[in-house]
Amino acid sequence: MNAPMSTRCCIVGGGPAGMMLGLLLARAGVDVTVLEKHGDFLRDFRGDTVHPSTLDVMGDLGLLDAFLARPHDEARHLRATISGQQVGLADFSRLRTRCKFIAMVPQWEFLDFLRDEAQAWPGFRLLLNTEGTGLVEREGQVVGVEARNAAGPLQITADLVVACDGRRSVLRGAAGLTVRDIGAPIDVLWMRLPKKPTDPDGSGGYIDTGHFMATIDRTDYWQCAYVIAKGGIAAIQARGLDAFRAEVAVTVPPLADRVGHIASWDDVKLLSVTVDRLAQWWKPGLLCIGDAAHAMSPIGGVGINLAVQDAVATANLLGRALADPAVDAKALTPLLSRVQRRREFPARVTQAVQVAVQNRLLTPVLQSGGSGKPFGVPWALRLAQRFPILQGIPAYAVGVGVRPERVDYLAPPV
């Protein structure tokens, strides 16, 4: 049996939003507890991009050099091979940021780093193997979290609960918040393929008639994301594993000699892509941020970036109040709507761009498989090859985004 607990702020979910917010609030002098349902952060096939605007946040915290001392790759350009022709997509060297690159870091390394830094602060507590299962409400106010760990049920009382439990958020469901489904016509199949010493370094993408695959450089292997039509996994599996290996080989010719490493369907992980957004991100005592508030498409790998920016805005707007014991739970409620007003516009614009890319690029690529015609380089990309300065526009959209946040409140060091 677990004894009841209490904390000033209970964050449910130890992903990028939850761990960054936990660190920021702990540094602001807040007693904060983070619940993570797994025993560690070591899970593959998650976003591995730490964007320039997030690196600026790390710089604000004085942690940038320590973070970049960990193993990482630096993507200064994004390129794709379209019907055999290599084209430049984005040039991050044109950004006015501390770091003019995307740091390619396995997400567990990023989360481990945030955990290590947060645990140096006395107000921070991380409970692993502890899953948030529901809310405790009293007179219309959320006053805590129902959770469960190996010892059984656990009730945690909190003045503020922050749901960072992802696109299938249990807490937003328990709160009865309305979700607007924006739509996603694609799913993604994740897999690993070995990397040979002779392979070129750097992440990229391969687009051809009927096929689209992104390849992420993990130093000793390629993490591959094969885009399929929404709900198309059953048809792919029905054609058989050999046919799927052949599709991958055709899509990415440089990796054709190693598709045999896809030994079974267990080596292929399905990401069912969702793009949605809460109509209201909060109710008294509860705030949803990150994917719990707005599930993003994997296009551009911006989900981590949006989640971190949400966390920074939340800490900026709520940190002083949470650090002040004279501010009670009900007095926090007006601040919750301010977080949504601050962060909803970036989420809406980013999702609109992602939907446009889905509808105008990915869907035509996938549908072109039955046309028999080669898929050509879109006119906008042809223009960006002729005038490379234009590659700074997608670099800004991906690397910085709409309304980047900077840390503006930290309590004096203790």
Foldseek 3Di string as FASTA:
>chain_A
DDDAAEFAEEEEALALLRLLLLQLLLLQQGQYEYEHQAQADDDPDAQQWQFLLNLQQCVLVVNNVVLVVPDWDWAQWEWEQALNRIFTQFGQVPDPGPDSTITGGTRRSVSVVSVVSSVVGPSYHYDYSKHFQEFDDDPQATFWTWIAHPVGIYIYGYLAYEYPPAQVTNYCVRVVFDKFFPDFFKKKKKAKWFDDPPDDDDWYWFFKAQWIKTWGCPPGITIIITIDTQPCPVVVPVVPDVVVLVVVCVRPVVRNVTSVVCPDCVRIDMGRATFMATPAQDTQRYGYAQSRGTGAGPVLSCSSVLSSQLSLLCCQQCSVLSSDPVRGSRNCVVSRVVSCVLRVVQRVVRRVVVVCCSVVPVVNRNVSNPVPDIDDDDPVSVVCRVVVVVSNVVSCCSRAGDPRDHHDDGHPGD
